[in-house]
């Protein structure tokens, strides 16, 4: 189980391309991957996204890739020698015509327009892609390790809350017969007060108690709650994306708990239901961050 929130980074170690890759993500219902590449590496966008999609199935992920070329390595300087020769010939001609001594240096000729030109070197796309994907894999491994660490923390938190919910379910199951007995006792006492000492119809009391017991029966809900808790434990212990399934189970836990709350007519059971709803809400908040 992994969190959808994470961060990772890596830098290329040596080689012709000095690259740095950063990856970060937050929770999202679906996968939304955005990769920002330098203009010279735009050709690699699809390849990088494919690597990301192999690792991440859900979340809002941003990738930042920077490329720093060593000074002068990304440009080529070319000299237009024929143009320089034309400049020198023109200067010599002016000097001869005007009777002026001319001593033009190569440096002075290089400063004239268009004698020297700078051109961006074309990068080796195959080698650049190899370096980029290698660096991206390191960054994604770092990113994934953080997501796993967060996932372990969420596993511990959800596990402890499931234990609390299960304890409250056990209490409700144990409390149900006692609730009926207390209702029967109250009903008998009330009937005695109304009849003012006359004989109470025990059959009528038993019938009313049976109707009440059926009305407040929560056996089906507690059985389903235990089933959902068991499924949730299995999911958080499994590998792969489980966030959507957990979200569904949280809704089911909440639904069954609400049903028990609507049926109960007992202060102790109500308190247990409120405790369960509080724990379920905290689990729901955690599940929103699970991939």
Protein backbone atom coordinates (compact mmCIF):
# COMPACT_ATOMS: atom_id res chain seq x y z
CA UNK A 1 0.00 0.00 0.00
CA UNK A 2 1.40 3.36 -1.02
CA UNK A 3 0.56 6.97 -0.42
CA UNK A 4 -0.26 9.23 -3.35
CA UNK A 5 1.88 11.94 -1.74
CA UNK A 6 5.62 11.78 -2.28
CA UNK A 7 8.79 13.48 -3.45
CA UNK A 8 11.96 12.21 -5.07
CA UNK A 9 14.97 13.63 -6.86
CA UNK A 10 18.17 12.54 -8.60
CA UNK A 11 21.08 13.97 -10.57
CA UNK A 12 23.00 12.32 -13.38
CA UNK A 13 26.41 11.02 -12.38
CA UNK A 14 28.94 12.15 -14.95
CA UNK A 15 28.44 11.62 -18.67
CA UNK A 16 27.93 14.16 -21.39
CA UNK A 17 24.59 15.35 -20.02
CA UNK A 18 24.24 17.05 -16.66
CA UNK A 19 20.63 16.33 -15.70
CA UNK A 20 18.55 16.77 -12.58
CA UNK A 21 15.10 15.23 -12.12
CA UNK A 22 12.54 16.06 -9.43
CA UNK A 23 9.21 14.28 -8.93
CA UNK A 24 6.41 15.21 -6.55
CA UNK A 25 2.76 14.21 -6.26
CA UNK A 26 -0.40 14.81 -4.27
CA UNK A 27 -3.66 12.89 -4.07
CA UNK A 28 -6.05 12.86 -7.00
CA UNK A 29 -8.93 10.66 -8.06
CA UNK A 30 -7.18 9.64 -11.29
CA UNK A 31 -3.65 9.81 -12.70
CA UNK A 32 -2.69 13.29 -13.87
CA UNK A 33 0.98 13.33 -14.85
CA UNK A 34 2.71 16.50 -16.01
CA UNK A 35 6.38 16.55 -17.08
CA UNK A 36 8.28 19.76 -17.70
CA UNK A 37 11.23 19.29 -20.04
CA UNK A 38 13.86 21.65 -21.51
CA UNK A 39 13.16 22.53 -25.13
CA UNK A 40 16.06 20.37 -26.34
CA UNK A 41 14.54 17.32 -24.58
CA UNK A 42 10.92 17.66 -25.72
CA UNK A 43 11.35 14.59 -27.93
CA UNK A 44 11.59 12.47 -24.73
CA UNK A 45 8.25 13.50 -23.21
CA UNK A 46 6.30 10.38 -24.20
CA UNK A 47 9.08 8.06 -23.05
CA UNK A 48 9.26 9.74 -19.63
CA UNK A 49 5.48 9.61 -19.19
CA UNK A 50 5.51 5.90 -20.04
CA UNK A 51 8.01 5.26 -17.25
CA UNK A 52 5.86 7.27 -14.84
CA UNK A 53 2.69 5.38 -15.77
CA UNK A 54 4.39 2.04 -15.10
CA UNK A 55 4.99 3.12 -11.51
CA UNK A 56 2.01 5.33 -10.65
CA UNK A 57 -1.66 4.53 -11.21
CA UNK A 58 -3.31 7.40 -9.33
CA UNK A 59 -2.34 10.88 -8.17
CA UNK A 60 -1.50 14.35 -9.41
CA UNK A 61 2.19 14.11 -10.33
CA UNK A 62 4.57 16.82 -11.50
CA UNK A 63 8.00 16.05 -12.95
CA UNK A 64 10.69 18.69 -13.38
CA UNK A 65 13.73 17.97 -15.58
CA UNK A 66 16.64 20.40 -15.89
CA UNK A 67 19.56 20.17 -18.30
CA UNK A 68 22.76 22.13 -17.71
CA UNK A 69 25.41 22.04 -20.40
CA UNK A 70 29.01 22.71 -19.49
CA UNK A 71 30.19 26.15 -20.58
CA UNK A 72 30.72 26.09 -24.33
CA UNK A 73 29.78 22.45 -24.76
CA UNK A 74 26.35 23.15 -26.16
CA UNK A 75 27.49 25.58 -28.86
CA UNK A 76 29.81 25.44 -31.84
CA UNK A 77 31.81 28.42 -33.13
CA UNK A 78 32.31 28.62 -36.89
CA UNK A 79 34.57 31.06 -38.77
CA UNK A 80 33.58 32.55 -42.14
CA UNK A 81 37.10 32.71 -43.54
CA UNK A 82 36.10 33.92 -47.03
CA UNK A 83 34.20 36.80 -45.46
CA UNK A 84 37.20 37.67 -43.26
CA UNK A 85 39.41 37.61 -46.34
CA UNK A 86 37.02 39.98 -48.09
CA UNK A 87 37.08 42.32 -45.09
CA UNK A 88 40.93 42.30 -45.10
CA UNK A 89 41.09 42.88 -48.85
CA UNK A 90 38.72 45.82 -48.53
CA UNK A 91 40.74 47.33 -45.68
CA UNK A 92 44.02 46.85 -47.62
CA UNK A 93 42.49 48.51 -50.65
CA UNK A 94 41.41 51.49 -48.59
CA UNK A 95 44.91 51.75 -47.14
CA UNK A 96 46.59 51.58 -50.55
CA UNK A 97 44.22 54.12 -52.04
CA UNK A 98 44.66 56.61 -49.22
CA UNK A 99 48.30 55.85 -48.63
CA UNK A 100 47.64 54.66 -45.11
CA UNK A 101 49.57 51.82 -43.53
CA UNK A 102 47.19 49.08 -42.43
CA UNK A 103 47.96 46.26 -40.04
CA UNK A 104 44.75 44.31 -39.45
CA UNK A 105 44.98 41.53 -36.83
CA UNK A 106 43.00 38.32 -36.84
CA UNK A 107 41.31 39.42 -33.61
CA UNK A 108 40.14 42.64 -35.25
CA UNK A 109 38.75 40.69 -38.19
CA UNK A 110 36.89 38.31 -35.84
CA UNK A 111 35.09 41.27 -34.30
CA UNK A 112 33.58 42.23 -37.66
CA UNK A 113 30.01 41.25 -38.37
CA UNK A 114 29.31 37.61 -39.30
CA UNK A 115 32.95 36.53 -39.29
CA UNK A 116 32.31 34.35 -36.25
CA UNK A 117 28.94 32.68 -35.67
CA UNK A 118 27.61 30.61 -32.78
CA UNK A 119 25.44 27.59 -33.43
CA UNK A 120 23.65 25.28 -31.02
CA UNK A 121 25.00 21.76 -31.23
CA UNK A 122 22.48 19.04 -31.99
CA UNK A 123 22.32 16.63 -29.06
CA UNK A 124 22.64 12.89 -29.55
CA UNK A 125 19.00 11.97 -28.93
CA UNK A 126 19.66 8.31 -28.27
CA UNK A 127 22.39 9.00 -25.73
CA UNK A 128 20.42 11.88 -24.18
CA UNK A 129 17.30 9.73 -23.78
CA UNK A 130 19.32 6.96 -22.17
CA UNK A 131 20.84 9.41 -19.67
CA UNK A 132 17.47 11.02 -18.99
CA UNK A 133 15.60 7.75 -18.36
CA UNK A 134 18.40 6.47 -16.13
CA UNK A 135 18.28 9.62 -13.99
CA UNK A 136 14.47 9.57 -13.98
CA UNK A 137 14.49 5.97 -12.70
CA UNK A 138 16.65 6.98 -9.72
CA UNK A 139 14.35 9.91 -8.96
CA UNK A 140 11.26 7.72 -9.23
CA UNK A 141 12.82 5.07 -6.97
CA UNK A 142 13.45 7.76 -4.36
CA UNK A 143 9.91 9.03 -4.87
CA UNK A 144 8.41 5.55 -4.55
CA UNK A 145 10.38 4.81 -1.38
CA UNK A 146 8.83 7.86 0.27
CA UNK A 147 5.36 6.76 -0.84
CA UNK A 148 5.97 3.33 0.69
CA UNK A 149 7.11 4.84 3.98
CA UNK A 150 3.96 6.96 4.10
CA UNK A 151 1.94 3.87 3.20
CA UNK A 152 3.36 1.94 6.16
CA UNK A 153 2.38 4.74 8.52
CA UNK A 154 -1.15 4.77 7.12
CA UNK A 155 -1.28 0.97 7.42
CA UNK A 156 -0.47 1.19 11.13
CA UNK A 157 -3.00 3.96 11.69
CA UNK A 158 -5.84 2.25 9.82
CA UNK A 159 -5.08 -1.10 11.49
CA UNK A 160 -5.35 0.41 14.97
CA UNK A 161 -8.64 2.12 14.10
CA UNK A 162 -10.09 -1.12 12.71
CA UNK A 163 -9.30 -2.77 16.05
CA UNK A 164 -11.21 0.00 17.83
CA UNK A 165 -14.20 -0.40 15.48
CA UNK A 166 -14.16 -4.17 15.92
CA UNK A 167 -14.12 -3.75 19.71
CA UNK A 168 -17.20 -1.51 19.49
CA UNK A 169 -18.94 -4.05 17.26
CA UNK A 170 -18.31 -6.75 19.86
CA UNK A 171 -19.73 -4.46 22.54
CA UNK A 172 -22.90 -3.86 20.51
CA UNK A 173 -23.33 -7.61 19.96
CA UNK A 174 -22.94 -8.27 23.68
CA UNK A 175 -25.15 -5.36 24.64
CA UNK A 176 -28.14 -6.35 22.46
CA UNK A 177 -29.60 -9.10 24.74
CA UNK A 178 -29.09 -6.89 27.78
CA UNK A 179 -30.94 -4.05 26.05
CA UNK A 180 -33.94 -6.31 25.43
CA UNK A 181 -33.89 -7.53 29.04
CA UNK A 182 -33.81 -3.96 30.30
CA UNK A 183 -36.68 -3.02 28.00
CA UNK A 184 -38.71 -5.98 29.29
CA UNK A 185 -38.00 -4.94 32.86
CA UNK A 186 -39.06 -1.36 32.19
CA UNK A 187 -42.19 -2.51 30.39
CA UNK A 188 -43.19 -4.84 33.26
CA UNK A 189 -42.63 -2.06 35.79
CA UNK A 190 -44.70 0.35 33.73
CA UNK A 191 -47.54 -2.16 33.37
CA UNK A 192 -47.58 -2.80 37.11
CA UNK A 193 -47.83 0.93 37.76
CA UNK A 194 -50.70 1.28 35.28
CA UNK A 195 -52.61 -1.80 36.53
CA UNK A 196 -52.05 -0.76 40.12
CA UNK A 197 -51.19 -4.21 41.46
CA UNK A 198 -53.39 -6.27 39.16
CA UNK A 199 -51.93 -9.33 37.48
CA UNK A 200 -49.72 -8.54 34.48
CA UNK A 201 -50.24 -10.53 31.29
CA UNK A 202 -46.80 -12.16 30.90
CA UNK A 203 -47.63 -13.28 27.35
CA UNK A 204 -48.26 -9.68 26.35
CA UNK A 205 -44.97 -8.63 27.92
CA UNK A 206 -43.09 -11.35 26.02
CA UNK A 207 -44.78 -10.33 22.75
CA UNK A 208 -43.86 -6.68 23.19
CA UNK A 209 -40.28 -7.63 24.11
CA UNK A 210 -40.04 -9.81 21.01
CA UNK A 211 -41.30 -7.00 18.79
CA UNK A 212 -38.81 -4.62 20.38
CA UNK A 213 -35.97 -7.12 19.99
CA UNK A 214 -36.78 -7.49 16.29
CA UNK A 215 -36.93 -3.72 15.87
CA UNK A 216 -33.49 -3.12 17.38
CA UNK A 217 -31.83 -6.27 15.98
CA UNK A 218 -28.44 -5.41 14.48
CA UNK A 219 -27.15 -8.93 13.76
CA UNK A 220 -27.08 -8.39 9.99
CA UNK A 221 -25.28 -5.06 10.32
CA UNK A 222 -22.63 -6.36 12.73
CA UNK A 223 -21.97 -9.41 10.51
CA UNK A 224 -21.47 -7.15 7.50
CA UNK A 225 -19.28 -4.80 9.52
CA UNK A 226 -17.00 -7.69 10.48
CA UNK A 227 -16.88 -8.76 6.84
CA UNK A 228 -15.93 -5.24 5.69
CA UNK A 229 -13.27 -4.98 8.40
CA UNK A 230 -11.78 -8.29 7.30
CA UNK A 231 -11.72 -7.21 3.65
CA UNK A 232 -10.14 -3.90 4.56
CA UNK A 233 -7.36 -5.64 6.49
CA UNK A 234 -6.66 -7.81 3.49
CA UNK A 235 -6.50 -4.82 1.16
CA UNK A 236 -4.16 -2.68 3.26
CA UNK A 237 -1.80 -5.67 3.56
CA UNK A 238 -1.76 -6.30 -0.19
CA UNK A 239 0.43 -4.82 -2.91
CA UNK A 240 -0.77 -2.59 -5.70
CA UNK A 241 -3.33 0.23 -5.89
CA UNK A 242 -6.15 -0.30 -3.37
CA UNK A 243 -7.38 3.24 -2.69
CA UNK A 244 -10.63 3.02 -4.66
CA UNK A 245 -11.62 -0.31 -3.09
CA UNK A 246 -10.84 1.03 0.37
CA UNK A 247 -12.94 4.10 -0.35
CA UNK A 248 -15.90 1.87 -1.21
CA UNK A 249 -15.46 -0.20 1.97
CA UNK A 250 -15.30 2.95 4.10
CA UNK A 251 -18.67 3.99 2.66
CA UNK A 252 -20.08 0.56 3.53
CA UNK A 253 -18.70 0.74 7.07
CA UNK A 254 -20.34 4.11 7.50
CA UNK A 255 -23.65 2.91 6.08
CA UNK A 256 -23.88 -0.11 8.40
CA UNK A 257 -22.90 2.01 11.40
CA UNK A 258 -25.58 4.58 10.57
CA UNK A 259 -28.17 1.80 10.35
CA UNK A 260 -27.20 0.54 13.81
CA UNK A 261 -27.42 4.09 15.13
CA UNK A 262 -30.94 4.52 13.70
CA UNK A 263 -32.10 1.27 15.32
CA UNK A 264 -30.58 1.65 18.75
CA UNK A 265 -32.52 3.02 21.65
CA UNK A 266 -29.76 2.66 24.18
CA UNK A 267 -27.29 5.23 25.48
CA UNK A 268 -24.37 2.78 25.62
CA UNK A 269 -24.92 1.58 22.05
CA UNK A 270 -25.28 5.18 20.86
CA UNK A 271 -21.93 6.00 22.44
CA UNK A 272 -20.34 3.00 20.72
CA UNK A 273 -21.82 4.07 17.37
CA UNK A 274 -20.43 7.58 17.77
CA UNK A 275 -16.98 6.14 18.53
CA UNK A 276 -17.20 3.98 15.41
CA UNK A 277 -18.27 6.91 13.21
CA UNK A 278 -15.36 8.96 14.51
CA UNK A 279 -12.87 6.18 13.68
CA UNK A 280 -14.43 5.58 10.25
CA UNK A 281 -14.13 9.27 9.40
CA UNK A 282 -10.43 9.23 10.33
CA UNK A 283 -9.93 6.15 8.16
CA UNK A 284 -11.74 7.90 5.31
CA UNK A 285 -9.33 10.84 5.54
CA UNK A 286 -6.38 8.43 5.32
CA UNK A 287 -7.88 6.52 2.41
CA UNK A 288 -8.08 9.75 0.36
CA UNK A 289 -4.27 9.68 0.23
CA UNK A 290 -3.86 5.99 -0.66
CA UNK A 291 -3.01 5.08 -4.25
